Every structure is written in C-alpha cells, then in structure tokens.
Amino acid sequence: MARKKFDNNTFSYNNTEKKNKNFMYQNLQRSKCYNSNFPNSNFDFVSFRGAHLKSCSFFECSFKGTEFVGTNLKDSSFRKAHFENAVFEGVKLDGVNFIDATFKNTIFVSSNVSDAENINIENPEIRVFDKMPELDMSNDLKDALDKAMKNEYIKRSRTLDTKDKTLNTISVMILLEQFEETALVSGLEIAANTIDKDFYALSYLIKLFKRLQKEEQI
C-alpha cells in the first residue's frame, strides 16, 4: 500500500486528536495546528519549516531527523517525546514544555531556549548556538556547496541556506560530522548533477550520500 501523502493543507488541525499516526518523511511546512493532540505519533524526518503548532501536545512522539525551522511552538508540550538528530532553528519556544523528553544529538540555534520549560541545556546530547557558527571550510568544499546550490531542487529545499540567503553552517556541520570531507565534496557534486525532484529536509541528502557511499561512488 502506498504511503499516504500529507502536506500543509492536510496537516491543519484545531481542537483535534490524532493518535498513533505516522507522518514520517512528510512535508509539513507552513502547517497550522492549534490545541490539538498527537499522542504516540511518528514525526521522523519531517520538515516543520514555517509551521505554527501552538498549544498542541506531542506526548511520546518521535522526532528523528526532524527539522523545526522558523516554527512557532508556543505553549506546546513534548512530554516524554524523543528527539534524535533534530534541529531547532529560529524557533519560538515560549512556554514550550519538554518535561521527561529525551534528546540525542539535538541542536538549537537562534532559538531562545530559556523561554522553554523543563529542558536541561547542560545535557551533553543538546547543543545550543546563539547564531549560526562559523566553519573553517576548504575551497573544494565551498565550491561543491556553491555548485549544489545551483541545482534548482536543492536551492528550493532551503536545506543548505538560511532565510538571509547565507550558507547554513549548521547543515554543513551536520554533514561533516557524518561524512569525510572528500566524500561530502563528491556527494554534493553528484547531487548537483542528479537531483531532479523536490525534497524538504537535510535527511534526504544524508540518505543519498550514505547510499552513494555504500555503492562506493563517493
């Protein structure tokens, strides 16, 4: 059975409960939800770019490789949720409750974590950046990133740049943590020449590069 497709038109709920749902890999950009509950649901590898998820409950939900970019999470609860390789970039965290949530390699950047409740920023599995970090990159990597950004689908995904049209160094940092620079350069060059469909999250590129690595193409 084909996986049901979701987009920002179908993922808009007010005063609704959706229990044990699978939203994995979905593009939920600019979705709008208010006072809705999603207990035990799967949001792995989802993009919540520009979404408004206010006063919602995500009890025991899974967020692996999930991207919250410019997301408004005001007064939402993530009690006992699990975050792994997740990124919060420019997120509104006023009154957000992370009580009993678990984290693994989770990044907060340009997000006021002090506005959230029950989150321990001393947790070694959480990294907090006030702004995009500066990276010392080789010319080969810079050239490969520039080439990749000329691909219309990569550019449209917004995974490698910010709203200010500058390089998203968090994304590059994540990629460098998973791949040797030479492999990453080769992977970006292949992606620039071959990607011909829309995608929405950095996890797509990571999955592509891992496949290329397994096939010994990079």
Protein backbone atom coordinates (compact mmCIF):
# COMPACT_ATOMS: atom_id res chain seq x y z
CA MET A 1 0.00 0.00 0.00
CA ALA A 2 1.38 3.41 -0.94
CA ARG A 3 2.17 5.77 1.89
CA LYS A 4 -0.46 8.45 2.30
CA LYS A 5 0.83 11.86 1.33
CA PHE A 6 0.48 14.82 3.65
CA ASP A 7 1.13 18.47 3.01
CA ASN A 8 0.46 21.77 4.70
CA ASN A 9 -3.16 21.67 3.53
CA THR A 10 -3.97 18.31 5.15
CA PHE A 11 -1.97 18.83 8.35
CA SER A 12 -4.06 21.65 9.80
CA TYR A 13 -5.99 20.77 12.92
CA ASN A 14 -7.88 22.70 15.58
CA ASN A 15 -9.06 21.03 18.80
CA THR A 16 -8.42 17.58 17.33
CA GLU A 17 -6.78 14.35 18.49
CA LYS A 18 -4.70 12.21 16.12
CA LYS A 19 -3.31 9.21 18.00
CA ASN A 20 -0.65 6.75 16.82
CA LYS A 21 -0.34 8.40 13.41
CA ASN A 22 2.62 8.03 11.07
CA PHE A 23 3.74 11.31 9.48
CA MET A 24 7.24 10.04 8.70
CA TYR A 25 9.06 11.77 5.81
CA GLN A 26 6.22 14.22 5.26
CA ASN A 27 6.49 17.84 4.19
CA LEU A 28 4.55 19.68 6.90
CA GLN A 29 5.94 23.11 6.10
CA ARG A 30 3.68 26.04 6.98
CA SER A 31 1.12 23.72 8.57
CA LYS A 32 -1.13 25.23 11.23
CA CYS A 33 -2.39 23.40 14.29
CA TYR A 34 -3.95 24.74 17.49
CA ASN A 35 -4.86 22.92 20.70
CA SER A 36 -4.55 19.51 19.07
CA ASN A 37 -3.06 16.28 20.39
CA PHE A 38 -0.83 13.77 18.58
CA PRO A 39 -0.02 11.13 21.22
CA ASN A 40 2.44 8.38 20.23
CA SER A 41 2.76 9.70 16.67
CA ASN A 42 5.81 9.45 14.42
CA PHE A 43 7.26 12.68 13.00
CA ASP A 44 10.65 11.27 11.96
CA PHE A 45 12.39 13.12 9.09
CA VAL A 46 9.59 15.70 8.85
CA SER A 47 10.07 19.35 7.90
CA PHE A 48 8.11 21.80 10.06
CA ARG A 49 9.58 24.85 8.34
CA GLY A 50 7.39 27.90 8.98
CA ALA A 51 4.74 25.83 10.78
CA HIS A 52 2.51 27.09 13.62
CA LEU A 53 1.94 24.35 16.19
CA LYS A 54 0.54 26.26 19.13
CA SER A 55 -0.87 24.79 22.35
CA CYS A 56 -0.51 21.26 20.96
CA SER A 57 0.51 18.06 22.74
CA PHE A 58 3.10 15.68 21.30
CA PHE A 59 3.08 13.11 24.11
CA GLU A 60 5.59 10.30 23.50
CA CYS A 61 6.08 11.34 19.87
CA SER A 62 9.22 10.54 17.88
CA PHE A 63 11.25 13.28 16.17
CA LYS A 64 14.29 11.72 14.47
CA GLY A 65 15.99 13.90 11.88
CA THR A 66 13.10 16.35 12.23
CA GLU A 67 13.62 19.98 11.27
CA PHE A 68 11.89 22.83 13.08
CA VAL A 69 12.87 25.96 11.14
CA GLY A 70 11.11 29.23 11.89
CA THR A 71 8.48 27.17 13.69
CA ASN A 72 6.11 28.63 16.29
CA LEU A 73 5.69 26.07 19.07
CA LYS A 74 4.24 28.44 21.67
CA ASP A 75 2.71 26.68 24.67
CA SER A 76 3.02 23.21 23.16
CA SER A 77 4.03 20.15 25.18
CA PHE A 78 6.56 17.48 24.22
CA ARG A 79 6.18 15.34 27.33
CA LYS A 80 8.16 12.10 27.00
CA ALA A 81 8.90 12.85 23.34
CA HIS A 82 12.16 11.64 21.81
CA PHE A 83 14.39 13.90 19.73
CA GLU A 84 17.31 12.45 17.78
CA ASN A 85 19.42 14.35 15.22
CA ALA A 86 16.73 17.01 15.34
CA VAL A 87 17.32 20.71 14.61
CA PHE A 88 15.51 23.73 16.06
CA GLU A 89 16.44 26.83 14.06
CA GLY A 90 14.85 30.22 14.76
CA VAL A 91 12.06 28.53 16.73
CA LYS A 92 9.61 30.27 19.07
CA LEU A 93 9.78 28.30 22.32
CA ASP A 94 7.64 30.46 24.65
CA GLY A 95 6.02 28.19 27.22
CA VAL A 96 7.06 25.00 25.44
CA ASN A 97 7.27 22.11 27.90
CA PHE A 98 9.88 19.38 27.37
CA ILE A 99 9.14 17.51 30.60
CA ASP A 100 10.62 13.99 30.56
CA ALA A 101 11.63 14.38 26.90
CA THR A 102 14.80 12.59 25.77
CA PHE A 103 17.43 14.02 23.45
CA LYS A 104 20.18 12.56 21.30
CA ASN A 105 22.42 14.85 19.25
CA THR A 106 19.85 17.66 19.13
CA ILE A 107 20.72 21.21 18.06
CA PHE A 108 19.10 24.54 18.97
CA VAL A 109 20.28 27.58 17.01
CA SER A 110 18.94 31.15 17.15
CA SER A 111 16.16 29.88 19.42
CA ASN A 112 15.58 31.27 22.91
CA VAL A 113 15.83 28.04 24.89
CA SER A 114 15.40 30.00 28.13
CA ASP A 115 11.74 30.52 27.17
CA ALA A 116 11.13 26.77 27.29
CA GLU A 117 10.35 24.69 30.37
CA ASN A 118 11.95 21.52 31.72
CA ILE A 119 14.93 21.38 29.38
CA ASN A 120 18.49 20.95 30.61
CA ILE A 121 20.88 22.72 28.25
CA GLU A 122 23.77 21.11 30.15
CA ASN A 123 22.69 17.80 28.68
CA PRO A 124 25.64 16.65 26.52
CA GLU A 125 23.16 15.49 23.87
CA ILE A 126 21.93 19.07 23.41
CA ARG A 127 23.93 21.78 21.64
CA VAL A 128 22.83 25.40 21.76
CA PHE A 129 24.11 28.12 19.40
CA ASP A 130 23.10 31.76 19.69
CA LYS A 131 23.71 32.17 15.97
CA MET A 132 24.99 30.21 13.00
CA PRO A 133 28.52 29.00 13.86
CA GLU A 134 31.49 29.90 11.71
CA LEU A 135 33.17 26.97 9.96
CA ASP A 136 36.65 26.70 8.53
CA MET A 137 35.99 25.10 5.14
CA SER A 138 38.32 24.16 2.33
CA ASN A 139 37.95 25.77 -1.08
CA ASP A 140 36.91 22.40 -2.52
CA LEU A 141 34.00 22.16 -0.08
CA LYS A 142 32.97 25.76 -0.69
CA ASP A 143 32.99 25.16 -4.45
CA ALA A 144 30.95 21.96 -4.07
CA LEU A 145 28.37 23.76 -1.92
CA ASP A 146 28.14 26.61 -4.45
CA LYS A 147 27.63 24.10 -7.24
CA ALA A 148 24.97 22.23 -5.28
CA MET A 149 23.08 25.47 -4.63
CA LYS A 150 22.78 25.99 -8.37
CA ASN A 151 20.57 22.90 -8.58
CA GLU A 152 17.01 24.26 -8.52
CA TYR A 153 15.67 21.45 -6.29
CA ILE A 154 18.45 21.74 -3.74
CA LYS A 155 18.04 25.51 -3.67
CA ARG A 156 14.27 25.21 -3.30
CA SER A 157 14.67 22.78 -0.40
CA ARG A 158 16.39 25.53 1.65
CA THR A 159 18.46 22.85 3.39
CA LEU A 160 21.82 24.49 2.67
CA ASP A 161 20.99 28.16 3.09
CA THR A 162 19.21 30.43 5.57
CA LYS A 163 16.37 32.92 5.19
CA ASP A 164 19.08 35.57 4.74
CA LYS A 165 20.42 33.63 1.72
CA THR A 166 23.65 32.83 3.54
CA LEU A 167 25.16 29.38 3.94
CA ASN A 168 23.50 27.25 6.61
CA THR A 169 26.60 26.27 8.54
CA ILE A 170 24.58 24.07 10.90
CA SER A 171 23.65 21.87 7.94
CA VAL A 172 27.26 21.78 6.76
CA MET A 173 28.44 20.95 10.29
CA ILE A 174 25.96 18.06 10.50
CA LEU A 175 27.11 16.73 7.13
CA LEU A 176 30.78 16.97 8.13
CA GLU A 177 30.03 15.03 11.30
CA GLN A 178 28.67 12.16 9.22
CA PHE A 179 30.97 12.17 6.20
CA GLU A 180 34.65 12.75 5.49
CA GLU A 181 35.16 16.00 3.60
CA THR A 182 36.31 14.27 0.40
CA ALA A 183 33.20 12.07 0.40
CA LEU A 184 31.00 15.08 1.11
CA VAL A 185 32.51 17.07 -1.77
CA SER A 186 31.94 14.16 -4.15
CA GLY A 187 28.42 13.65 -2.83
CA LEU A 188 27.49 17.29 -3.28
CA GLU A 189 28.82 17.28 -6.83
CA ILE A 190 26.77 14.18 -7.69
CA ALA A 191 23.69 15.67 -6.01
CA ALA A 192 24.12 18.88 -8.01
CA ASN A 193 24.06 16.88 -11.25
CA THR A 194 21.40 14.28 -10.45
CA ILE A 195 18.71 15.56 -8.06
CA ASP A 196 15.61 16.21 -10.15
CA LYS A 197 12.74 16.26 -7.67
CA ASP A 198 11.64 18.28 -4.66
CA PHE A 199 12.71 17.31 -1.15
CA TYR A 200 12.30 19.12 2.12
CA ALA A 201 14.82 18.06 4.78
CA LEU A 202 18.57 17.58 5.16
CA SER A 203 17.91 13.92 5.93
CA TYR A 204 17.24 13.43 2.20
CA LEU A 205 20.80 14.44 1.34
CA ILE A 206 22.20 12.36 4.19
CA LYS A 207 20.31 9.30 2.95
CA LEU A 208 21.54 9.95 -0.61
CA PHE A 209 25.18 10.29 0.46
CA LYS A 210 25.00 7.13 2.57
CA ARG A 211 23.67 5.22 -0.44
CA LEU A 212 26.43 6.62 -2.65
CA GLN A 213 28.97 5.67 -0.01
CA LYS A 214 27.61 2.13 0.20
CA GLU A 215 27.83 1.87 -3.59
CA GLU A 216 31.41 3.20 -3.36
CA GLN A 217 30.59 6.16 -5.59
CA ILE A 218 32.00 8.59 -3.04
